[in-house]
Amino acid sequence: MNASPLIQVGELQSLLAGPETGRPVVLDVRFRLGESTGRLDFERAHVPSASYVDMDTELATIRPDGVGGRHPMPTVETFAAAMRSAGVTMSRPVVAYDDWASLPASRLWWMLRHFGFLDVRVLDGGIAAWIAGGHPTESGSHTPGVGDFSPSSPGFGRLLDATAAATYAGRHVLLDARNADRFRGENETIDAVAGRIPGAISAPALDTVDPSGRFLSADQLAARFQHLGHAATRTVGTYCGSGVQATHLALALSIAGVTNHTDVYIGSWSDWITDPDRPIATR
């Protein structure tokens, strides 16, 4: 098992060029909120041998009434079938990447670990870093051999619901991974209601990466979380708008060495506000 949850482009290139038994299964998780270009972008250019995984249909089970949030957890059966279709096997590591500062890739990273598959890393810098490094790409679709992925429990990271998230905010640490203005209830352009879960602490996920989309160093991240008062012995939960930036923050906490067991309220703010009786804080 690797010490860091990240992999750099040079190491990935070496593994893909090496013996087949050591090659990772590479998963492309490109996604942007409100857009549906991920698969098209994948077909234009992707890391050789990569398979595409769709956020909306394979990493979530979206309900028309909005309950569960914009990207609720998929059923175990849906996720397992998606991983097997993407070629994930229990004997080979997985590398996930995207083109959005590792936000979607972190969702897959956290979900695989939640379901007991721990040998997974995220490509630091994503497809942009791969191309910038002069590495080759492929175009078109890719149909891998069917994998034998089988979820198991307990994995790493507990799935929180709204009740548990409120408990974390009161008794443990609940980090809000959205931008600071949305945390304060300002400039809310995505969800119908502005604000935050009372007791949550602001820790924007995108503050953990540099302008190129690569993560800050482990020491820089550790210093950031130390400043926020999070000790490795404390129980930490995260949430965001729809359970994507929350898993990104969980990945950052792992890189920093704070905890490998971050619990996530996947439904997040978009689920919290579906019940008008839940309290809301602003400012």
C-alpha atoms as a PDB file:
ATOM      1  CA  MET A   1       0.000   0.000   0.000  1.00  0.00           C
ATOM      2  CA  ASN A   2       1.310   3.449  -0.886  1.00  0.00           C
ATOM      3  CA  ALA A   3       1.967   6.020   1.833  1.00  0.00           C
ATOM      4  CA  SER A   4       0.510   8.918  -0.159  1.00  0.00           C
ATOM      5  CA  PRO A   5      -2.972   8.917  -1.682  1.00  0.00           C
ATOM      6  CA  LEU A   6      -1.525  10.842  -4.634  1.00  0.00           C
ATOM      7  CA  ILE A   7       0.431   9.603  -7.637  1.00  0.00           C
ATOM      8  CA  GLN A   8       2.555  11.830  -9.877  1.00  0.00           C
ATOM      9  CA  VAL A   9       2.510  11.627 -13.670  1.00  0.00           C
ATOM     10  CA  GLY A  10       6.008  10.190 -13.944  1.00  0.00           C
ATOM     11  CA  GLU A  11       5.225   7.262 -11.692  1.00  0.00           C
ATOM     12  CA  LEU A  12       1.959   6.568 -13.493  1.00  0.00           C
ATOM     13  CA  GLN A  13       3.719   6.562 -16.854  1.00  0.00           C
ATOM     14  CA  SER A  14       6.310   4.105 -15.536  1.00  0.00           C
ATOM     15  CA  LEU A  15       3.642   1.782 -14.152  1.00  0.00           C
ATOM     16  CA  LEU A  16       1.654   1.814 -17.393  1.00  0.00           C
ATOM     17  CA  ALA A  17       4.810   1.002 -19.354  1.00  0.00           C
ATOM     18  CA  GLY A  18       5.773  -1.795 -16.986  1.00  0.00           C
ATOM     19  CA  PRO A  19       4.629  -5.404 -16.537  1.00  0.00           C
ATOM     20  CA  GLU A  20       0.922  -5.935 -16.971  1.00  0.00           C
ATOM     21  CA  THR A  21       0.515  -7.389 -13.493  1.00  0.00           C
ATOM     22  CA  GLY A  22       1.632  -4.082 -11.952  1.00  0.00           C
ATOM     23  CA  ARG A  23      -0.376  -1.746 -14.156  1.00  0.00           C
ATOM     24  CA  PRO A  24      -3.099   0.179 -12.392  1.00  0.00           C
ATOM     25  CA  VAL A  25      -6.668   0.419 -13.597  1.00  0.00           C
ATOM     26  CA  VAL A  26      -7.004   4.058 -14.665  1.00  0.00           C
ATOM     27  CA  LEU A  27     -10.367   5.792 -14.299  1.00  0.00           C
ATOM     28  CA  ASP A  28     -11.273   9.126 -15.883  1.00  0.00           C
ATOM     29  CA  VAL A  29     -13.873  10.957 -13.779  1.00  0.00           C
ATOM     30  CA  ARG A  30     -14.119  14.267 -15.638  1.00  0.00           C
ATOM     31  CA  PHE A  31     -17.215  16.218 -14.611  1.00  0.00           C
ATOM     32  CA  ARG A  32     -18.385  19.811 -14.241  1.00  0.00           C
ATOM     33  CA  LEU A  33     -21.511  20.923 -12.430  1.00  0.00           C
ATOM     34  CA  GLY A  34     -24.261  21.720 -14.903  1.00  0.00           C
ATOM     35  CA  GLU A  35     -22.315  20.348 -17.872  1.00  0.00           C
ATOM     36  CA  SER A  36     -22.343  16.990 -19.615  1.00  0.00           C
ATOM     37  CA  THR A  37     -19.074  17.141 -21.546  1.00  0.00           C
ATOM     38  CA  GLY A  38     -17.049  14.701 -19.456  1.00  0.00           C
ATOM     39  CA  ARG A  39     -17.474  11.724 -21.742  1.00  0.00           C
ATOM     40  CA  LEU A  40     -16.868  13.854 -24.850  1.00  0.00           C
ATOM     41  CA  ASP A  41     -13.679  15.220 -23.312  1.00  0.00           C
ATOM     42  CA  PHE A  42     -12.640  11.674 -22.482  1.00  0.00           C
ATOM     43  CA  GLU A  43     -13.191  10.535 -26.065  1.00  0.00           C
ATOM     44  CA  ARG A  44     -11.115  13.436 -27.396  1.00  0.00           C
ATOM     45  CA  ALA A  45      -8.103  12.573 -25.258  1.00  0.00           C
ATOM     46  CA  HIS A  46      -7.471  10.421 -22.210  1.00  0.00           C
ATOM     47  CA  VAL A  47      -4.670   8.613 -20.421  1.00  0.00           C
ATOM     48  CA  PRO A  48      -3.967   5.367 -22.308  1.00  0.00           C
ATOM     49  CA  SER A  49      -6.115   2.416 -21.146  1.00  0.00           C
ATOM     50  CA  ALA A  50      -8.345   4.675 -19.018  1.00  0.00           C
ATOM     51  CA  SER A  51     -12.067   3.992 -18.667  1.00  0.00           C
ATOM     52  CA  TYR A  52     -14.660   6.698 -18.160  1.00  0.00           C
ATOM     53  CA  VAL A  53     -16.799   6.806 -14.997  1.00  0.00           C
ATOM     54  CA  ASP A  54     -19.857   9.068 -14.971  1.00  0.00           C
ATOM     55  CA  MET A  55     -20.522  11.158 -11.874  1.00  0.00           C
ATOM     56  CA  ASP A  56     -24.275  11.536 -12.306  1.00  0.00           C
ATOM     57  CA  THR A  57     -25.151   7.933 -13.144  1.00  0.00           C
ATOM     58  CA  GLU A  58     -22.393   5.787 -11.611  1.00  0.00           C
ATOM     59  CA  LEU A  59     -21.162   7.751  -8.592  1.00  0.00           C
ATOM     60  CA  ALA A  60     -24.617   8.957  -7.582  1.00  0.00           C
ATOM     61  CA  THR A  61     -28.274   7.947  -7.639  1.00  0.00           C
ATOM     62  CA  ILE A  62     -30.141  11.197  -8.227  1.00  0.00           C
ATOM     63  CA  ARG A  63     -33.744  11.529  -7.053  1.00  0.00           C
ATOM     64  CA  PRO A  64     -36.243  13.828  -8.813  1.00  0.00           C
ATOM     65  CA  ASP A  65     -37.453  15.267  -5.478  1.00  0.00           C
ATOM     66  CA  GLY A  66     -33.936  16.369  -4.500  1.00  0.00           C
ATOM     67  CA  VAL A  67     -33.884  14.351  -1.279  1.00  0.00           C
ATOM     68  CA  GLY A  68     -30.367  13.111  -0.695  1.00  0.00           C
ATOM     69  CA  GLY A  69     -28.884  16.152  -2.431  1.00  0.00           C
ATOM     70  CA  ARG A  70     -27.612  16.754  -5.941  1.00  0.00           C
ATOM     71  CA  HIS A  71     -25.325  13.739  -5.870  1.00  0.00           C
ATOM     72  CA  PRO A  72     -26.558  11.186  -3.318  1.00  0.00           C
ATOM     73  CA  MET A  73     -24.611   8.006  -2.801  1.00  0.00           C
ATOM     74  CA  PRO A  74     -25.474   5.380  -5.401  1.00  0.00           C
ATOM     75  CA  THR A  75     -26.781   2.043  -4.321  1.00  0.00           C
ATOM     76  CA  VAL A  76     -24.109  -0.501  -3.537  1.00  0.00           C
ATOM     77  CA  GLU A  77     -25.265  -2.505  -6.559  1.00  0.00           C
ATOM     78  CA  THR A  78     -25.005   0.482  -8.926  1.00  0.00           C
ATOM     79  CA  PHE A  79     -21.503   1.374  -7.747  1.00  0.00           C
ATOM     80  CA  ALA A  80     -20.249  -2.210  -7.816  1.00  0.00           C
ATOM     81  CA  ALA A  81     -21.574  -2.722 -11.341  1.00  0.00           C
ATOM     82  CA  ALA A  82     -19.953   0.531 -12.496  1.00  0.00           C
ATOM     83  CA  MET A  83     -16.583  -0.466 -11.068  1.00  0.00           C
ATOM     84  CA  ARG A  84     -16.714  -3.907 -12.648  1.00  0.00           C
ATOM     85  CA  SER A  85     -17.690  -2.381 -16.007  1.00  0.00           C
ATOM     86  CA  ALA A  86     -14.725  -0.019 -15.712  1.00  0.00           C
ATOM     87  CA  GLY A  87     -12.405  -2.989 -15.237  1.00  0.00           C
ATOM     88  CA  VAL A  88     -11.705  -2.636 -11.527  1.00  0.00           C
ATOM     89  CA  THR A  89     -10.343  -5.861 -10.079  1.00  0.00           C
ATOM     90  CA  MET A  90      -9.411  -6.733  -6.530  1.00  0.00           C
ATOM     91  CA  SER A  91      -5.831  -7.565  -7.520  1.00  0.00           C
ATOM     92  CA  ARG A  92      -4.768  -4.323  -9.229  1.00  0.00           C
ATOM     93  CA  PRO A  93      -4.489  -0.759  -7.908  1.00  0.00           C
ATOM     94  CA  VAL A  94      -6.689   2.047  -9.191  1.00  0.00           C
ATOM     95  CA  VAL A  95      -5.690   5.554 -10.268  1.00  0.00           C
ATOM     96  CA  ALA A  96      -8.402   8.199 -10.713  1.00  0.00           C
ATOM     97  CA  TYR A  97      -8.063  11.559 -12.432  1.00  0.00           C
ATOM     98  CA  ASP A  98     -10.101  14.459 -13.813  1.00  0.00           C
ATOM     99  CA  ASP A  99      -9.651  18.009 -15.105  1.00  0.00           C
ATOM    100  CA  TRP A 100     -11.075  19.921 -12.128  1.00  0.00           C
ATOM    101  CA  ALA A 101      -8.438  20.086  -9.374  1.00  0.00           C
ATOM    102  CA  SER A 102      -9.091  16.418  -8.462  1.00  0.00           C
ATOM    103  CA  LEU A 103     -12.609  17.158  -7.190  1.00  0.00           C
ATOM    104  CA  PRO A 104     -14.469  14.369  -9.040  1.00  0.00           C
ATOM    105  CA  ALA A 105     -11.509  11.981  -8.708  1.00  0.00           C
ATOM    106  CA  SER A 106     -11.544  12.444  -4.946  1.00  0.00           C
ATOM    107  CA  ARG A 107     -15.190  11.380  -4.870  1.00  0.00           C
ATOM    108  CA  LEU A 108     -14.246   8.058  -6.473  1.00  0.00           C
ATOM    109  CA  TRP A 109     -11.195   7.750  -4.192  1.00  0.00           C
ATOM    110  CA  TRP A 110     -13.342   8.173  -1.080  1.00  0.00           C
ATOM    111  CA  MET A 111     -16.100   5.859  -2.312  1.00  0.00           C
ATOM    112  CA  LEU A 112     -13.737   3.014  -3.168  1.00  0.00           C
ATOM    113  CA  ARG A 113     -12.175   3.259   0.284  1.00  0.00           C
ATOM    114  CA  HIS A 114     -15.600   3.489   1.917  1.00  0.00           C
ATOM    115  CA  PHE A 115     -16.460   0.189   0.246  1.00  0.00           C
ATOM    116  CA  GLY A 116     -13.253  -1.480   1.415  1.00  0.00           C
ATOM    117  CA  PHE A 117     -11.009  -1.041  -1.651  1.00  0.00           C
ATOM    118  CA  LEU A 118      -7.948   0.773  -0.290  1.00  0.00           C
ATOM    119  CA  ASP A 119      -5.380   0.529  -3.094  1.00  0.00           C
ATOM    120  CA  VAL A 120      -6.490   3.690  -4.899  1.00  0.00           C
ATOM    121  CA  ARG A 121      -4.681   6.945  -5.637  1.00  0.00           C
ATOM    122  CA  VAL A 122      -5.473  10.227  -7.360  1.00  0.00           C
ATOM    123  CA  LEU A 123      -3.332  11.606 -10.189  1.00  0.00           C
ATOM    124  CA  ASP A 124      -2.041  14.928  -8.876  1.00  0.00           C
ATOM    125  CA  GLY A 125      -2.817  17.649 -11.408  1.00  0.00           C
ATOM    126  CA  GLY A 126      -5.060  15.377 -13.451  1.00  0.00           C
ATOM    127  CA  ILE A 127      -5.127  15.178 -17.230  1.00  0.00           C
ATOM    128  CA  ALA A 128      -3.550  18.648 -17.543  1.00  0.00           C
ATOM    129  CA  ALA A 129      -0.442  17.511 -15.658  1.00  0.00           C
ATOM    130  CA  TRP A 130      -0.302  14.345 -17.765  1.00  0.00           C
ATOM    131  CA  ILE A 131      -0.367  16.298 -21.035  1.00  0.00           C
ATOM    132  CA  ALA A 132       2.003  18.980 -19.725  1.00  0.00           C
ATOM    133  CA  GLY A 133       4.481  16.219 -18.912  1.00  0.00           C
ATOM    134  CA  GLY A 134       4.568  15.218 -22.572  1.00  0.00           C
ATOM    135  CA  HIS A 135       2.894  11.868 -22.006  1.00  0.00           C
ATOM    136  CA  PRO A 136       0.777  10.252 -24.739  1.00  0.00           C
ATOM    137  CA  THR A 137      -3.009  10.181 -24.859  1.00  0.00           C
ATOM    138  CA  GLU A 138      -5.574   8.034 -26.613  1.00  0.00           C
ATOM    139  CA  SER A 139      -8.869   9.053 -28.202  1.00  0.00           C
ATOM    140  CA  GLY A 140     -12.194   7.309 -28.691  1.00  0.00           C
ATOM    141  CA  SER A 141     -14.038   5.032 -26.315  1.00  0.00           C
ATOM    142  CA  HIS A 142     -12.442   2.244 -24.330  1.00  0.00           C
ATOM    143  CA  THR A 143     -14.036  -1.046 -23.301  1.00  0.00           C
ATOM    144  CA  PRO A 144     -11.980  -2.823 -20.654  1.00  0.00           C
ATOM    145  CA  GLY A 145     -12.344  -6.395 -19.574  1.00  0.00           C
ATOM    146  CA  VAL A 146     -14.990  -6.825 -16.900  1.00  0.00           C
ATOM    147  CA  GLY A 147     -13.510  -6.595 -13.430  1.00  0.00           C
ATOM    148  CA  ASP A 148     -14.294  -8.542 -10.289  1.00  0.00           C
ATOM    149  CA  PHE A 149     -14.708  -5.605  -7.884  1.00  0.00           C
ATOM    150  CA  SER A 150     -16.629  -6.611  -4.785  1.00  0.00           C
ATOM    151  CA  PRO A 151     -17.493  -4.067  -2.083  1.00  0.00           C
ATOM    152  CA  SER A 152     -16.774  -4.979   1.508  1.00  0.00           C
ATOM    153  CA  SER A 153     -17.230  -3.367   4.874  1.00  0.00           C
ATOM    154  CA  PRO A 154     -16.168  -1.829   7.046  1.00  0.00           C
ATOM    155  CA  GLY A 155     -14.045   0.367   4.827  1.00  0.00           C
ATOM    156  CA  PHE A 156     -12.456   3.726   5.597  1.00  0.00           C
ATOM    157  CA  GLY A 157     -14.767   6.690   6.142  1.00  0.00           C
ATOM    158  CA  ARG A 158     -18.281   6.590   7.503  1.00  0.00           C
ATOM    159  CA  LEU A 159     -21.228   7.797   5.419  1.00  0.00           C
ATOM    160  CA  LEU A 160     -23.042  10.491   7.411  1.00  0.00           C
ATOM    161  CA  ASP A 161     -26.679  11.500   7.159  1.00  0.00           C
ATOM    162  CA  ALA A 162     -28.098  14.856   8.249  1.00  0.00           C
ATOM    163  CA  THR A 163     -28.608  13.758  11.854  1.00  0.00           C
ATOM    164  CA  ALA A 164     -25.055  12.496  12.150  1.00  0.00           C
ATOM    165  CA  ALA A 165     -23.692  15.665  10.524  1.00  0.00           C
ATOM    166  CA  ALA A 166     -25.448  17.782  13.122  1.00  0.00           C
ATOM    167  CA  THR A 167     -23.947  15.611  15.851  1.00  0.00           C
ATOM    168  CA  TYR A 168     -20.458  16.043  14.399  1.00  0.00           C
ATOM    169  CA  ALA A 169     -20.927  19.812  14.328  1.00  0.00           C
ATOM    170  CA  GLY A 170     -21.845  19.772  18.013  1.00  0.00           C
ATOM    171  CA  ARG A 171     -19.548  17.114  19.447  1.00  0.00           C
ATOM    172  CA  HIS A 172     -16.696  16.560  17.003  1.00  0.00           C
ATOM    173  CA  VAL A 173     -15.414  18.510  13.985  1.00  0.00           C
ATOM    174  CA  LEU A 174     -17.557  19.201  10.925  1.00  0.00           C
ATOM    175  CA  LEU A 175     -15.744  20.985   8.106  1.00  0.00           C
ATOM    176  CA  ASP A 176     -17.596  22.875   5.378  1.00  0.00           C
ATOM    177  CA  ALA A 177     -15.613  22.443   2.143  1.00  0.00           C
ATOM    178  CA  ARG A 178     -17.449  25.111   0.134  1.00  0.00           C
ATOM    179  CA  ASN A 179     -15.972  28.518  -0.607  1.00  0.00           C
ATOM    180  CA  ALA A 180     -15.991  30.859   2.378  1.00  0.00           C
ATOM    181  CA  ASP A 181     -18.658  33.160   0.949  1.00  0.00           C
ATOM    182  CA  ARG A 182     -21.158  30.328   0.589  1.00  0.00           C
ATOM    183  CA  PHE A 183     -20.299  29.219   4.131  1.00  0.00           C
ATOM    184  CA  ARG A 184     -21.285  32.715   5.309  1.00  0.00           C
ATOM    185  CA  GLY A 185     -24.512  32.576   3.322  1.00  0.00           C
ATOM    186  CA  GLU A 186     -23.286  34.998   0.670  1.00  0.00           C
ATOM    187  CA  ASN A 187     -23.228  34.680  -3.136  1.00  0.00           C
ATOM    188  CA  GLU A 188     -25.239  31.456  -3.112  1.00  0.00           C
ATOM    189  CA  THR A 189     -25.784  30.759  -6.810  1.00  0.00           C
ATOM    190  CA  ILE A 190     -26.247  26.977  -6.705  1.00  0.00           C
ATOM    191  CA  ASP A 191     -28.608  26.027  -3.903  1.00  0.00           C
ATOM    192  CA  ALA A 192     -32.047  27.499  -3.220  1.00  0.00           C
ATOM    193  CA  VAL A 193     -31.218  28.340   0.406  1.00  0.00           C
ATOM    194  CA  ALA A 194     -28.049  30.050   1.650  1.00  0.00           C
ATOM    195  CA  GLY A 195     -26.204  29.338   4.879  1.00  0.00           C
ATOM    196  CA  ARG A 196     -24.456  26.493   6.677  1.00  0.00           C
ATOM    197  CA  ILE A 197     -24.961  23.762   9.238  1.00  0.00           C
ATOM    198  CA  PRO A 198     -24.696  25.378  12.693  1.00  0.00           C
ATOM    199  CA  GLY A 199     -21.380  24.571  14.365  1.00  0.00           C
ATOM    200  CA  ALA A 200     -19.527  23.773  11.140  1.00  0.00           C
ATOM    201  CA  ILE A 201     -16.071  25.227  10.472  1.00  0.00           C
ATOM    202  CA  SER A 202     -15.100  26.736   7.130  1.00  0.00           C
ATOM    203  CA  ALA A 203     -12.286  24.874   5.332  1.00  0.00           C
ATOM    204  CA  PRO A 204     -12.617  25.483   1.562  1.00  0.00           C
ATOM    205  CA  ALA A 205     -11.458  22.480  -0.418  1.00  0.00           C
ATOM    206  CA  LEU A 206     -10.095  24.566  -3.281  1.00  0.00           C
ATOM    207  CA  ASP A 207      -7.712  26.306  -0.861  1.00  0.00           C
ATOM    208  CA  THR A 208      -5.796  23.018  -0.648  1.00  0.00           C
ATOM    209  CA  VAL A 209      -4.588  23.154  -4.261  1.00  0.00           C
ATOM    210  CA  ASP A 210      -2.334  25.533  -6.179  1.00  0.00           C
ATOM    211  CA  PRO A 211      -3.376  27.446  -9.319  1.00  0.00           C
ATOM    212  CA  SER A 212      -2.441  24.472 -11.534  1.00  0.00           C
ATOM    213  CA  GLY A 213      -4.780  22.167  -9.623  1.00  0.00           C
ATOM    214  CA  ARG A 214      -2.034  20.290  -7.789  1.00  0.00           C
ATOM    215  CA  PHE A 215      -2.303  19.773  -4.061  1.00  0.00           C
ATOM    216  CA  LEU A 216      -0.187  21.802  -1.685  1.00  0.00           C
ATOM    217  CA  SER A 217       2.576  19.852   0.023  1.00  0.00           C
ATOM    218  CA  ALA A 218       1.772  17.598   2.940  1.00  0.00           C
ATOM    219  CA  ASP A 219       3.547  20.001   5.295  1.00  0.00           C
ATOM    220  CA  GLN A 220       1.608  22.999   3.976  1.00  0.00           C
ATOM    221  CA  LEU A 221      -1.674  21.147   4.349  1.00  0.00           C
ATOM    222  CA  ALA A 222      -0.790  19.917   7.840  1.00  0.00           C
ATOM    223  CA  ALA A 223      -0.006  23.479   8.883  1.00  0.00           C
ATOM    224  CA  ARG A 224      -3.312  24.666   7.471  1.00  0.00           C
ATOM    225  CA  PHE A 225      -5.322  22.081   9.369  1.00  0.00           C
ATOM    226  CA  GLN A 226      -3.280  22.635  12.524  1.00  0.00           C
ATOM    227  CA  HIS A 227      -4.224  26.302  12.338  1.00  0.00           C
ATOM    228  CA  LEU A 228      -7.880  25.297  12.180  1.00  0.00           C
ATOM    229  CA  GLY A 229      -7.420  23.261  15.344  1.00  0.00           C
ATOM    230  CA  HIS A 230      -7.883  19.743  13.994  1.00  0.00           C
ATOM    231  CA  ALA A 231      -5.852  17.103  15.771  1.00  0.00           C
ATOM    232  CA  ALA A 232      -5.361  13.610  14.415  1.00  0.00           C
ATOM    233  CA  THR A 233      -7.111  12.192  17.484  1.00  0.00           C
ATOM    234  CA  ARG A 234     -10.372  14.021  16.751  1.00  0.00           C
ATOM    235  CA  THR A 235     -13.285  12.631  14.771  1.00  0.00           C
ATOM    236  CA  VAL A 236     -13.616  14.667  11.576  1.00  0.00           C
ATOM    237  CA  GLY A 237     -16.561  14.918   9.203  1.00  0.00           C
ATOM    238  CA  THR A 238     -16.911  16.992   6.040  1.00  0.00           C
ATOM    239  CA  TYR A 239     -19.696  18.312   3.848  1.00  0.00           C
ATOM    240  CA  CYS A 240     -20.091  20.745   0.962  1.00  0.00           C
ATOM    241  CA  GLY A 241     -22.855  21.415  -1.558  1.00  0.00           C
ATOM    242  CA  SER A 242     -23.336  17.933  -2.986  1.00  0.00           C
ATOM    243  CA  GLY A 243     -20.641  15.629  -1.622  1.00  0.00           C
ATOM    244  CA  VAL A 244     -17.822  16.336  -4.086  1.00  0.00           C
ATOM    245  CA  GLN A 245     -15.714  19.055  -2.455  1.00  0.00           C
ATOM    246  CA  ALA A 246     -16.306  17.224   0.839  1.00  0.00           C
ATOM    247  CA  THR A 247     -14.437  14.170  -0.430  1.00  0.00           C
ATOM    248  CA  HIS A 248     -11.728  16.447  -1.844  1.00  0.00           C
ATOM    249  CA  LEU A 249     -11.216  17.835   1.650  1.00  0.00           C
ATOM    250  CA  ALA A 250     -11.085  14.257   2.967  1.00  0.00           C
ATOM    251  CA  LEU A 251      -8.311  13.573   0.463  1.00  0.00           C
ATOM    252  CA  ALA A 252      -6.432  16.683   1.592  1.00  0.00           C
ATOM    253  CA  LEU A 253      -6.712  15.569   5.221  1.00  0.00           C
ATOM    254  CA  SER A 254      -5.212  12.216   4.225  1.00  0.00           C
ATOM    255  CA  ILE A 255      -2.341  13.855   2.330  1.00  0.00           C
ATOM    256  CA  ALA A 256      -1.628  16.009   5.371  1.00  0.00           C
ATOM    257  CA  GLY A 257      -1.490  12.971   7.637  1.00  0.00           C
ATOM    258  CA  VAL A 258      -4.341  14.268   9.793  1.00  0.00           C
ATOM    259  CA  THR A 259      -6.662  11.304   9.258  1.00  0.00           C
ATOM    260  CA  ASN A 260      -7.312   8.558   6.728  1.00  0.00           C
ATOM    261  CA  HIS A 261     -10.802   8.005   8.097  1.00  0.00           C
ATOM    262  CA  THR A 262     -12.677  11.220   7.321  1.00  0.00           C
ATOM    263  CA  ASP A 263     -16.432  10.738   7.511  1.00  0.00           C
ATOM    264  CA  VAL A 264     -18.508  12.482   4.833  1.00  0.00           C
ATOM    265  CA  TYR A 265     -22.042  13.835   4.692  1.00  0.00           C
ATOM    266  CA  ILE A 266     -22.473  13.032   0.998  1.00  0.00           C
ATOM    267  CA  GLY A 267     -25.938  14.587   0.808  1.00  0.00           C
ATOM    268  CA  SER A 268     -24.378  17.811   2.101  1.00  0.00           C
ATOM    269  CA  TRP A 269     -26.030  21.217   1.965  1.00  0.00           C
ATOM    270  CA  SER A 270     -28.270  20.337  -0.989  1.00  0.00           C
ATOM    271  CA  ASP A 271     -29.795  17.566   1.149  1.00  0.00           C
ATOM    272  CA  TRP A 272     -29.790  19.527   4.426  1.00  0.00           C
ATOM    273  CA  ILE A 273     -32.071  22.221   2.998  1.00  0.00           C
ATOM    274  CA  THR A 274     -34.725  19.749   1.804  1.00  0.00           C
ATOM    275  CA  ASP A 275     -36.080  19.686   5.372  1.00  0.00           C
ATOM    276  CA  PRO A 276     -37.293  23.165   6.399  1.00  0.00           C
ATOM    277  CA  ASP A 277     -37.095  22.206  10.080  1.00  0.00           C
ATOM    278  CA  ARG A 278     -33.304  21.866   9.997  1.00  0.00           C
ATOM    279  CA  PRO A 279     -31.501  24.871  11.495  1.00  0.00           C
ATOM    280  CA  ILE A 280     -29.431  27.209   9.323  1.00  0.00           C
ATOM    281  CA  ALA A 281     -26.626  29.559  10.334  1.00  0.00           C
ATOM    282  CA  THR A 282     -25.312  32.571   8.423  1.00  0.00           C
ATOM    283  CA  ARG A 283     -22.512  35.070   8.902  1.00  0.00           C
END
